[in-house]
Amino acid sequence: GSEMCIRDRARDVTERAAGEFRALLPGLPPTGGEANWATRFIPISGWYLAYCRAMRPLGLGPGDAGRMIYDLETADFQQNAGRYAAVGQAMFTPGALQKTREWAQWTQQRDYPANWVAEFVPGDGATFDFGYDYTRCGLFEYLKTQGEPELAAYVCLTDFPRSRAEDSGLVRSGTLAMGASRCDFRYRQGRPVTQDWDTEIVKIGRRPAG
């Protein structure tokens, strides 16, 4: 039936994506290895890109791949709620804040062209506990080099269900991938996350070209 057809198509796409990912692996750019907590997002970027390319022969574009990634990530956050809640609690400890601050300072050395460049933003005591601004995003830069910059804007939306699972209260007005001058992450522990796919997708549609 149609369900079997969908299953077969999904299997085909996944197998094609696995092949795409194997081909991409040797070309993943260096960002400092395990010393850089953001390094893990580089292979994840490759995984997203592999699926995007595997879905294109079906007439599906970056937005379709982005929606699939958003739904899969959201399911993971829900299925592993306890783990993400623990991560969210840990984010606001003095030690974690100091590590985030040190990481942001390290990125400003710009040792790796593919790495993020971040600036730590101390909390204002009222509207957010801490934040950071990205003036360069490794995921966006990688997808640009691979000819799929549009995908990045959709992938960034998974930050909101992640924050909801962490109870970390993310608010963000824009991202580099959406045409903003920076990605302005602002966290407040316990604040409800009101942004999601539906609130942000309209902003992606208005993104300036280039």
Protein backbone atom coordinates (compact mmCIF):
# COMPACT_ATOMS: atom_id res chain seq x y z
CA GLY A 1 0.00 0.00 0.00
CA SER A 2 0.91 3.66 0.16
CA GLU A 3 2.45 3.23 3.62
CA MET A 4 4.84 0.62 2.23
CA CYS A 5 5.67 2.93 -0.67
CA ILE A 6 6.49 5.75 1.76
CA ARG A 7 8.62 3.37 3.82
CA ASP A 8 10.52 2.21 0.75
CA ARG A 9 11.08 5.79 -0.35
CA ALA A 10 12.32 6.75 3.11
CA ARG A 11 14.71 3.77 3.07
CA ASP A 12 16.01 4.78 -0.35
CA VAL A 13 16.57 8.38 0.76
CA THR A 14 18.36 7.23 3.92
CA GLU A 15 20.63 4.88 1.97
CA ARG A 16 21.41 7.63 -0.54
CA ALA A 17 22.08 10.06 2.33
CA ALA A 18 24.46 7.57 3.96
CA GLY A 19 26.42 7.41 0.71
CA GLU A 20 26.47 11.20 0.44
CA PHE A 21 27.70 11.47 4.03
CA ARG A 22 30.53 8.97 3.48
CA ALA A 23 31.65 11.07 0.51
CA LEU A 24 31.52 14.28 2.57
CA LEU A 25 33.43 12.97 5.61
CA PRO A 26 37.00 13.44 4.31
CA GLY A 27 36.26 17.06 3.39
CA LEU A 28 34.82 18.17 6.74
CA PRO A 29 36.81 21.26 7.83
CA PRO A 30 38.93 21.36 11.02
CA THR A 31 37.67 23.52 13.91
CA GLY A 32 40.00 22.51 16.72
CA GLY A 33 38.92 18.94 17.47
CA GLU A 34 37.64 17.89 20.87
CA ALA A 35 39.04 21.05 22.49
CA ASN A 36 36.19 22.92 20.79
CA TRP A 37 32.71 21.94 22.06
CA ALA A 38 31.18 23.23 18.80
CA THR A 39 33.22 20.79 16.65
CA ARG A 40 30.45 18.20 16.99
CA PHE A 41 28.18 20.39 14.87
CA ILE A 42 30.46 20.05 11.82
CA PRO A 43 29.74 16.35 11.16
CA ILE A 44 26.09 17.05 12.02
CA SER A 45 26.16 19.71 9.28
CA GLY A 46 27.42 17.04 6.90
CA TRP A 47 24.57 14.74 7.93
CA TYR A 48 22.02 17.50 7.27
CA LEU A 49 23.62 18.26 3.91
CA ALA A 50 23.63 14.56 2.93
CA TYR A 51 19.89 14.32 3.56
CA CYS A 52 19.24 17.54 1.66
CA ARG A 53 21.08 16.17 -1.38
CA ALA A 54 19.42 12.76 -1.11
CA MET A 55 15.94 14.34 -1.05
CA ARG A 56 16.49 16.59 -4.06
CA PRO A 57 15.82 13.88 -6.72
CA LEU A 58 12.33 13.56 -5.19
CA GLY A 59 11.70 17.23 -5.92
CA LEU A 60 12.20 18.20 -2.26
CA GLY A 61 14.22 21.30 -1.34
CA PRO A 62 16.12 22.68 1.68
CA GLY A 63 12.87 23.63 3.43
CA ASP A 64 11.62 20.05 3.21
CA ALA A 65 14.92 18.66 4.50
CA GLY A 66 14.87 21.32 7.22
CA ARG A 67 11.38 20.36 8.35
CA MET A 68 12.34 16.68 8.52
CA ILE A 69 15.43 17.55 10.60
CA TYR A 70 13.32 19.78 12.88
CA ASP A 71 10.78 17.02 13.50
CA LEU A 72 13.45 14.34 14.08
CA GLU A 73 15.37 16.57 16.50
CA THR A 74 12.17 17.51 18.35
CA ALA A 75 11.31 13.82 18.77
CA ASP A 76 14.80 13.19 20.18
CA PHE A 77 14.43 16.07 22.67
CA GLN A 78 11.11 14.65 23.84
CA GLN A 79 12.31 11.04 24.08
CA ASN A 80 15.40 12.06 26.07
CA ALA A 81 13.75 14.76 28.17
CA GLY A 82 15.64 13.93 31.36
CA ARG A 83 19.04 14.23 29.71
CA TYR A 84 18.23 17.58 28.11
CA ALA A 85 16.75 18.92 31.37
CA ALA A 86 20.03 18.06 33.12
CA VAL A 87 22.01 19.83 30.39
CA GLY A 88 19.76 22.88 30.82
CA GLN A 89 20.33 22.95 34.58
CA ALA A 90 24.10 22.73 34.10
CA MET A 91 24.20 25.58 31.53
CA PHE A 92 23.60 28.22 34.19
CA THR A 93 26.20 27.11 36.75
CA PRO A 94 29.15 29.47 37.34
CA GLY A 95 31.57 26.88 35.96
CA ALA A 96 29.60 26.42 32.74
CA LEU A 97 29.24 30.17 32.26
CA GLN A 98 32.99 30.60 32.68
CA LYS A 99 33.65 27.87 30.10
CA THR A 100 31.26 29.54 27.65
CA ARG A 101 33.01 32.87 28.21
CA GLU A 102 36.45 31.29 27.66
CA TRP A 103 35.26 29.48 24.53
CA ALA A 104 33.92 32.72 23.06
CA GLN A 105 37.25 34.47 23.76
CA TRP A 106 39.14 31.58 22.14
CA THR A 107 37.03 31.75 18.97
CA GLN A 108 38.02 35.39 18.54
CA GLN A 109 41.58 34.27 17.79
CA ARG A 110 40.14 33.00 14.48
CA ASP A 111 42.60 30.09 14.30
CA TYR A 112 40.24 28.07 12.10
CA PRO A 113 38.44 29.68 9.14
CA ALA A 114 35.59 27.17 9.46
CA ASN A 115 35.03 27.82 13.17
CA TRP A 116 32.42 29.89 14.92
CA VAL A 117 33.33 33.40 16.11
CA ALA A 118 31.44 34.28 19.27
CA GLU A 119 31.16 37.00 21.87
CA PHE A 120 29.90 36.26 25.38
CA VAL A 121 27.12 38.56 26.63
CA PRO A 122 26.68 38.77 30.44
CA GLY A 123 23.11 38.76 31.74
CA ASP A 124 21.39 42.07 32.37
CA GLY A 125 19.76 40.85 35.58
CA ALA A 126 16.25 41.27 34.19
CA THR A 127 15.55 39.95 30.69
CA PHE A 128 18.26 37.25 30.32
CA ASP A 129 20.81 35.34 32.42
CA PHE A 130 23.50 35.14 29.74
CA GLY A 131 23.89 35.06 26.00
CA TYR A 132 26.31 35.02 23.13
CA ASP A 133 26.46 36.53 19.67
CA TYR A 134 27.84 34.63 16.69
CA THR A 135 29.39 36.84 14.04
CA ARG A 136 30.45 33.71 12.17
CA CYS A 137 28.67 30.34 12.26
CA GLY A 138 30.62 27.23 11.34
CA LEU A 139 27.51 25.37 10.23
CA PHE A 140 26.44 28.21 7.93
CA GLU A 141 29.96 28.61 6.55
CA TYR A 142 30.22 24.91 5.78
CA LEU A 143 26.86 24.76 4.03
CA LYS A 144 27.82 27.86 2.02
CA THR A 145 31.00 26.15 0.79
CA GLN A 146 28.86 23.17 -0.24
CA GLY A 147 26.38 25.28 -2.19
CA GLU A 148 23.46 24.83 0.23
CA PRO A 149 23.34 28.05 2.31
CA GLU A 150 19.52 28.02 2.45
CA LEU A 151 19.51 24.83 4.50
CA ALA A 152 21.25 26.55 7.42
CA ALA A 153 18.33 28.89 8.15
CA TYR A 154 16.02 25.91 8.66
CA VAL A 155 18.50 23.88 10.69
CA CYS A 156 18.95 26.78 13.15
CA LEU A 157 15.28 26.48 14.12
CA THR A 158 16.04 23.27 16.04
CA ASP A 159 17.64 25.49 18.71
CA PHE A 160 14.14 26.38 19.96
CA PRO A 161 12.78 22.87 20.72
CA ARG A 162 16.21 22.10 22.21
CA SER A 163 15.91 25.08 24.54
CA ARG A 164 12.35 24.07 25.41
CA ALA A 165 13.64 20.62 26.44
CA GLU A 166 16.44 22.25 28.46
CA ASP A 167 14.09 24.81 30.04
CA SER A 168 16.77 27.37 29.13
CA GLY A 169 14.44 30.09 27.81
CA LEU A 170 16.07 30.95 24.46
CA VAL A 171 15.06 34.14 22.68
CA ARG A 172 16.72 35.05 19.38
CA SER A 173 15.82 37.85 17.00
CA GLY A 174 17.75 36.52 14.00
CA THR A 175 20.61 34.49 12.60
CA LEU A 176 23.38 35.00 10.06
CA ALA A 177 21.69 32.40 7.87
CA MET A 178 18.51 34.49 7.91
CA GLY A 179 20.42 37.59 6.82
CA ALA A 180 20.97 39.19 10.25
CA SER A 181 24.34 40.69 11.19
CA ARG A 182 24.69 38.18 14.04
CA CYS A 183 22.99 35.27 15.78
CA ASP A 184 21.89 36.75 19.11
CA PHE A 185 21.24 33.91 21.58
CA ARG A 186 19.73 35.07 24.90
CA TYR A 187 18.98 32.52 27.62
CA ARG A 188 16.86 32.86 30.77
CA GLN A 189 16.40 29.78 32.94
CA GLY A 190 12.76 28.73 33.22
CA ARG A 191 11.39 31.21 30.68
CA PRO A 192 8.86 29.65 28.26
CA VAL A 193 10.23 29.33 24.72
CA THR A 194 7.70 30.97 22.41
CA GLN A 195 9.63 30.71 19.14
CA ASP A 196 9.37 27.62 16.95
CA TRP A 197 9.13 26.51 13.32
CA ASP A 198 5.88 28.39 12.73
CA THR A 199 6.99 31.72 14.19
CA GLU A 200 10.35 31.70 12.37
CA ILE A 201 9.51 30.26 8.96
CA VAL A 202 7.90 33.53 7.89
CA LYS A 203 11.16 35.34 8.69
CA ILE A 204 13.11 32.92 6.51
CA GLY A 205 10.78 33.75 3.66
CA ARG A 206 11.70 37.41 4.04
CA ARG A 207 15.44 36.75 4.15
CA PRO A 208 17.41 39.02 1.80
CA ALA A 209 19.13 37.29 -1.08
CA GLY A 210 22.88 36.71 -1.05
